[in-house]
N, C-alpha and C. Protein backbone atom coordinates (compact mmCIF):
# COMPACT_ATOMS: atom_id res chain seq x y z
N GLN A 1 102.81 -168.70 -4.74
CA GLN A 1 103.99 -167.35 -5.22
C GLN A 1 105.53 -167.89 -5.30
N GLU A 2 105.76 -168.29 -3.62
CA GLU A 2 107.45 -168.23 -2.95
C GLU A 2 107.87 -169.54 -4.96
N ARG A 3 107.20 -170.05 -5.22
CA ARG A 3 107.59 -171.29 -6.65
C ARG A 3 107.72 -170.31 -7.86
N GLY A 4 106.83 -169.47 -7.99
CA GLY A 4 106.36 -168.00 -8.93
C GLY A 4 107.84 -167.16 -8.74
N THR A 5 108.14 -166.84 -8.01
CA THR A 5 109.62 -166.08 -7.62
C THR A 5 110.52 -166.80 -8.07
N LEU A 6 110.63 -167.78 -7.74
CA LEU A 6 112.04 -169.06 -7.88
C LEU A 6 111.95 -169.40 -8.76
N GLY A 7 110.97 -169.49 -9.68
CA GLY A 7 110.81 -169.54 -11.28
C GLY A 7 111.24 -168.53 -11.91
N ALA A 8 111.30 -167.64 -11.70
CA ALA A 8 111.75 -166.28 -12.46
C ALA A 8 113.03 -166.19 -12.26
N LEU A 9 113.55 -166.36 -11.18
CA LEU A 9 114.71 -166.32 -10.55
C LEU A 9 115.56 -166.88 -11.68
N ILE A 10 115.02 -168.39 -11.72
CA ILE A 10 116.01 -169.01 -12.47
C ILE A 10 115.84 -168.84 -14.11
N VAL A 11 114.77 -169.05 -13.79
CA VAL A 11 114.54 -168.03 -16.33
C VAL A 11 115.99 -167.00 -15.62
N ILE A 12 115.97 -166.20 -15.41
CA ILE A 12 117.24 -164.83 -15.13
C ILE A 12 118.54 -165.31 -14.95
N ASP A 13 118.83 -165.61 -13.98
CA ASP A 13 119.87 -166.57 -14.06
C ASP A 13 120.50 -167.65 -15.11
N VAL A 14 119.76 -167.93 -15.39
CA VAL A 14 120.13 -169.42 -16.73
C VAL A 14 120.77 -168.02 -18.12
N HIS A 15 119.51 -167.64 -18.08
CA HIS A 15 119.90 -166.76 -19.04
C HIS A 15 121.33 -165.71 -19.54
N ALA A 16 121.33 -165.15 -18.27
CA ALA A 16 123.10 -165.20 -17.22
C ALA A 16 123.42 -165.55 -17.68
N ARG A 17 123.72 -167.09 -17.11
CA ARG A 17 124.78 -168.11 -17.80
C ARG A 17 125.38 -168.22 -19.13
N ASP A 18 124.32 -167.41 -19.65
CA ASP A 18 124.23 -168.38 -21.19
C ASP A 18 124.91 -166.61 -21.63
N VAL A 19 124.75 -166.12 -22.16
CA VAL A 19 125.34 -164.59 -21.86
C VAL A 19 126.68 -164.84 -22.40
N VAL A 20 127.00 -165.26 -20.33
CA VAL A 20 128.34 -164.81 -19.94
C VAL A 20 129.31 -166.07 -20.71
N THR A 21 128.62 -167.06 -21.34
CA THR A 21 128.75 -168.73 -22.03
C THR A 21 129.52 -168.21 -23.49
N LEU A 22 127.91 -167.30 -23.56
CA LEU A 22 128.65 -166.94 -25.48
C LEU A 22 129.70 -166.01 -25.41
N LEU A 23 129.49 -164.43 -24.56
CA LEU A 23 130.96 -163.98 -24.61
C LEU A 23 132.31 -164.52 -24.12
N GLN A 24 132.24 -165.40 -23.70
CA GLN A 24 133.96 -166.59 -23.37
C GLN A 24 133.93 -167.14 -24.69
N ASN A 25 132.67 -167.38 -25.21
CA ASN A 25 132.89 -168.64 -26.30
C ASN A 25 133.70 -167.78 -27.41
N GLN A 26 133.28 -166.31 -27.36
CA GLN A 26 133.44 -165.85 -28.93
C GLN A 26 133.99 -164.27 -28.53
N LYS A 27 135.21 -164.68 -27.47
CA LYS A 27 136.16 -164.25 -26.81
C LYS A 27 136.19 -162.45 -26.78
N VAL A 28 135.14 -161.73 -26.18
CA VAL A 28 134.68 -160.38 -26.00
C VAL A 28 135.69 -159.66 -25.39
N THR A 29 136.60 -158.67 -25.84
CA THR A 29 137.63 -158.44 -24.46
C THR A 29 136.98 -156.91 -24.72
N ALA A 30 136.70 -156.20 -25.73
CA ALA A 30 136.73 -154.88 -25.91
C ALA A 30 134.95 -154.23 -25.07
N LEU A 31 134.54 -153.18 -25.26
CA LEU A 31 133.34 -152.81 -24.67
C LEU A 31 132.46 -151.97 -25.86
N SER A 32 133.61 -152.53 -26.69
CA SER A 32 132.68 -151.81 -28.25
C SER A 32 132.20 -153.57 -29.52
N ASP A 33 132.64 -154.40 -28.48
CA ASP A 33 132.88 -155.77 -29.67
C ASP A 33 131.26 -156.17 -29.42
N PHE A 34 130.95 -156.61 -30.97
CA PHE A 34 129.02 -156.60 -31.56
C PHE A 34 128.29 -156.54 -29.92
N ASP A 35 129.12 -158.26 -29.94
CA ASP A 35 127.96 -159.06 -28.40
C ASP A 35 128.34 -158.64 -27.25
N TRP A 36 128.74 -157.90 -26.98
CA TRP A 36 128.22 -157.45 -25.77
C TRP A 36 127.42 -156.30 -26.01
N VAL A 37 127.89 -155.01 -26.99
CA VAL A 37 126.86 -154.35 -27.19
C VAL A 37 125.82 -154.52 -27.93
N ALA A 38 125.36 -155.87 -27.66
CA ALA A 38 123.66 -156.10 -28.43
C ALA A 38 123.25 -156.84 -27.14
N GLN A 39 123.63 -156.88 -25.99
CA GLN A 39 123.32 -157.36 -24.61
C GLN A 39 122.27 -155.90 -23.99
N LEU A 40 121.25 -156.29 -23.49
CA LEU A 40 120.47 -155.33 -22.36
C LEU A 40 121.01 -154.96 -21.92
N ARG A 41 121.36 -154.28 -21.25
CA ARG A 41 122.48 -152.97 -20.44
C ARG A 41 122.47 -151.75 -19.84
N TYR A 42 122.25 -151.65 -18.48
CA TYR A 42 122.03 -150.88 -17.50
C TYR A 42 122.83 -149.89 -17.32
N TYR A 43 123.09 -148.39 -17.05
CA TYR A 43 123.88 -147.62 -16.81
C TYR A 43 123.76 -146.31 -16.18
N TRP A 44 124.45 -146.08 -15.12
CA TRP A 44 123.83 -145.00 -14.01
C TRP A 44 124.29 -143.85 -14.84
N GLU A 45 124.34 -142.77 -15.00
CA GLU A 45 124.63 -142.00 -15.71
C GLU A 45 124.65 -140.36 -15.08
N SER A 46 125.57 -139.66 -15.22
CA SER A 46 124.84 -138.72 -13.80
C SER A 46 125.69 -137.34 -15.27
N LYS A 47 125.30 -136.56 -15.03
CA LYS A 47 125.28 -135.04 -16.05
C LYS A 47 126.44 -134.71 -15.75
N GLU A 48 126.85 -134.43 -16.91
CA GLU A 48 128.40 -133.42 -17.23
C GLU A 48 128.29 -132.33 -16.15
N ASP A 49 127.27 -131.46 -16.25
CA ASP A 49 127.38 -129.90 -16.09
C ASP A 49 127.03 -130.15 -14.80
N ASP A 50 126.33 -130.84 -14.12
CA ASP A 50 125.79 -131.29 -12.29
C ASP A 50 127.32 -131.36 -11.49
N GLU A 51 127.24 -130.53 -10.41
CA GLU A 51 128.67 -130.63 -9.64
C GLU A 51 128.09 -131.23 -8.32
N ARG A 52 126.63 -131.53 -8.12
CA ARG A 52 126.24 -132.05 -6.76
C ARG A 52 126.64 -133.33 -7.20
N GLU A 53 127.26 -134.24 -6.65
CA GLU A 53 126.78 -135.89 -6.24
C GLU A 53 125.67 -136.41 -6.26
N GLN A 54 124.96 -135.96 -7.33
CA GLN A 54 123.71 -136.32 -7.58
C GLN A 54 124.02 -137.78 -8.00
N PRO A 55 122.84 -138.61 -7.87
CA PRO A 55 122.99 -140.17 -8.52
C PRO A 55 122.65 -139.95 -10.11
N GLY A 56 121.93 -139.04 -10.69
CA GLY A 56 122.34 -139.64 -11.98
C GLY A 56 120.58 -139.71 -12.17
N GLU A 57 120.97 -140.57 -13.84
CA GLU A 57 119.46 -141.28 -14.18
C GLU A 57 120.50 -142.39 -14.75
N LEU A 58 119.03 -143.72 -14.23
CA LEU A 58 119.66 -145.32 -15.35
C LEU A 58 119.41 -145.00 -15.80
N ASN A 59 119.72 -145.50 -17.12
CA ASN A 59 119.64 -145.49 -18.54
C ASN A 59 119.72 -146.99 -18.99
N VAL A 60 119.34 -147.45 -19.78
CA VAL A 60 118.74 -149.18 -20.82
C VAL A 60 119.36 -148.72 -21.84
N LYS A 61 120.55 -149.15 -22.58
CA LYS A 61 121.14 -149.71 -23.32
C LYS A 61 121.02 -150.85 -24.48
N MET A 62 121.01 -150.83 -25.41
CA MET A 62 121.37 -151.64 -26.58
C MET A 62 121.64 -151.42 -27.64
N VAL A 63 122.44 -152.12 -28.40
CA VAL A 63 123.13 -151.51 -29.87
C VAL A 63 123.25 -149.93 -29.30
N GLN A 64 122.65 -149.29 -30.65
CA GLN A 64 122.42 -147.72 -30.77
C GLN A 64 121.63 -147.26 -29.90
N ALA A 65 120.79 -147.92 -28.94
CA ALA A 65 119.66 -147.13 -28.57
C ALA A 65 120.11 -147.04 -26.85
N SER A 66 120.11 -146.43 -26.70
CA SER A 66 119.81 -145.68 -24.91
C SER A 66 118.47 -144.99 -24.60
N LEU A 67 117.73 -145.54 -23.28
CA LEU A 67 116.49 -145.12 -23.22
C LEU A 67 116.36 -144.96 -21.47
N PRO A 68 115.95 -143.67 -21.24
CA PRO A 68 115.60 -143.96 -19.58
C PRO A 68 114.75 -144.71 -18.87
N PHE A 69 115.62 -145.33 -17.74
CA PHE A 69 114.91 -146.18 -17.35
C PHE A 69 113.58 -145.98 -16.78
N GLY A 70 112.25 -146.45 -16.82
CA GLY A 70 111.19 -145.84 -16.76
C GLY A 70 110.81 -146.90 -14.89
N TYR A 71 111.50 -147.38 -14.12
CA TYR A 71 110.89 -147.84 -13.23
C TYR A 71 109.89 -148.47 -12.95
N GLU A 72 109.34 -149.20 -14.34
CA GLU A 72 108.12 -149.87 -14.57
C GLU A 72 108.72 -151.04 -13.32
N TYR A 73 107.84 -151.34 -12.50
CA TYR A 73 106.81 -153.29 -12.10
C TYR A 73 105.89 -153.92 -12.39
N LEU A 74 106.51 -154.93 -12.49
CA LEU A 74 104.74 -155.70 -13.33
C LEU A 74 104.50 -156.84 -12.06
N GLY A 75 105.08 -156.56 -11.06
CA GLY A 75 104.82 -157.51 -9.97
C GLY A 75 105.19 -158.94 -9.88
N ASN A 76 104.87 -160.22 -9.48
CA ASN A 76 105.03 -161.02 -9.67
C ASN A 76 104.99 -162.31 -10.44
N GLN A 77 105.55 -162.30 -11.30
CA GLN A 77 104.47 -162.35 -12.72
C GLN A 77 105.58 -163.74 -13.03
N PRO A 78 105.08 -165.18 -13.75
CA PRO A 78 106.41 -165.73 -14.08
C PRO A 78 107.14 -165.22 -15.48
N ARG A 79 108.04 -165.65 -15.35
CA ARG A 79 109.00 -164.98 -16.47
C ARG A 79 108.84 -165.36 -18.11
N LEU A 80 109.07 -164.47 -19.01
CA LEU A 80 109.25 -165.54 -20.25
C LEU A 80 110.80 -165.76 -20.57
N VAL A 81 110.64 -167.01 -20.98
CA VAL A 81 111.95 -168.17 -21.44
C VAL A 81 112.70 -166.92 -22.07
N VAL A 82 114.02 -167.03 -22.57
CA VAL A 82 114.78 -165.79 -23.08
C VAL A 82 114.85 -166.71 -23.91
N THR A 83 115.23 -166.43 -25.12
CA THR A 83 115.60 -167.45 -26.76
C THR A 83 116.83 -166.23 -26.91
N PRO A 84 117.43 -167.33 -28.49
CA PRO A 84 117.38 -165.66 -29.43
C PRO A 84 116.84 -164.79 -30.20
N LEU A 85 115.80 -165.72 -30.21
CA LEU A 85 114.74 -165.18 -30.64
C LEU A 85 113.88 -164.33 -29.72
N THR A 86 114.02 -164.14 -28.62
CA THR A 86 113.98 -163.00 -27.80
C THR A 86 114.23 -162.18 -27.74
N ASP A 87 116.32 -162.42 -27.86
CA ASP A 87 117.03 -161.09 -27.29
C ASP A 87 116.68 -160.27 -28.91
N ARG A 88 116.40 -161.24 -29.62
CA ARG A 88 116.20 -160.31 -31.13
C ARG A 88 115.06 -158.95 -30.98
N CYS A 89 114.36 -159.61 -30.34
CA CYS A 89 112.30 -158.98 -29.96
C CYS A 89 113.47 -157.76 -29.63
N TYR A 90 114.02 -158.46 -28.09
CA TYR A 90 114.67 -157.16 -27.76
C TYR A 90 115.31 -155.76 -27.95
N MET A 91 116.02 -156.63 -29.53
CA MET A 91 116.98 -155.34 -30.11
C MET A 91 115.89 -154.41 -31.15
N THR A 92 114.99 -155.40 -31.69
CA THR A 92 113.90 -154.66 -32.54
C THR A 92 113.57 -153.48 -31.43
N LEU A 93 113.06 -153.54 -30.58
CA LEU A 93 111.83 -153.16 -30.02
C LEU A 93 112.95 -151.79 -29.14
N MET A 94 113.97 -151.98 -28.78
CA MET A 94 114.37 -151.16 -28.20
C MET A 94 114.77 -150.30 -29.40
N GLY A 95 115.16 -150.53 -30.45
CA GLY A 95 115.86 -149.68 -31.34
C GLY A 95 114.04 -149.11 -32.14
N ALA A 96 113.36 -149.43 -32.11
CA ALA A 96 111.82 -148.49 -32.23
C ALA A 96 111.59 -147.82 -31.63
N MET A 97 111.86 -147.80 -29.87
CA MET A 97 111.99 -147.03 -29.03
C MET A 97 112.52 -145.79 -29.20
N HIS A 98 114.07 -146.14 -29.60
CA HIS A 98 115.38 -144.71 -29.41
C HIS A 98 114.30 -144.08 -30.88
N LEU A 99 114.19 -145.12 -31.68
CA LEU A 99 113.94 -143.95 -32.76
C LEU A 99 111.96 -143.18 -32.84
N ASN A 100 111.42 -143.61 -31.56
CA ASN A 100 110.07 -143.05 -31.47
C ASN A 100 108.86 -143.48 -32.95
N LEU A 101 109.26 -145.12 -32.88
CA LEU A 101 108.43 -145.10 -34.30
C LEU A 101 107.25 -145.67 -32.78
C-alpha cells in the first residue's frame, strides 16, 4: 500500500512540475492567460452577502466551467498518468458538467 501511495504522489508531483514548466515557457503572467485558465484550479469562495466569517465553499474551475467540489474520496488507488490528452479530456468533461450535459 505504501508503494501505491508513493507512486500516486510521484504522478501528481511530476504533472505539477510539467504544468509549472509549461506556464514558465509560455510566459504566463496574467490570470486571464489561457494556459493558466486551462488548468484545473481550486478556489475557496465566500458568499458576498455572508457577513459571518464562514469558510464559504470550494469550487473547481477550468476554462469557463465552475463547479462545486464534491469532496469525493476514491481511496488509495493507482493514479492515472496525466498527459496532454488527459488534460483535454478533463477540460471537455468539466465543460459538459458545467452545461449539465
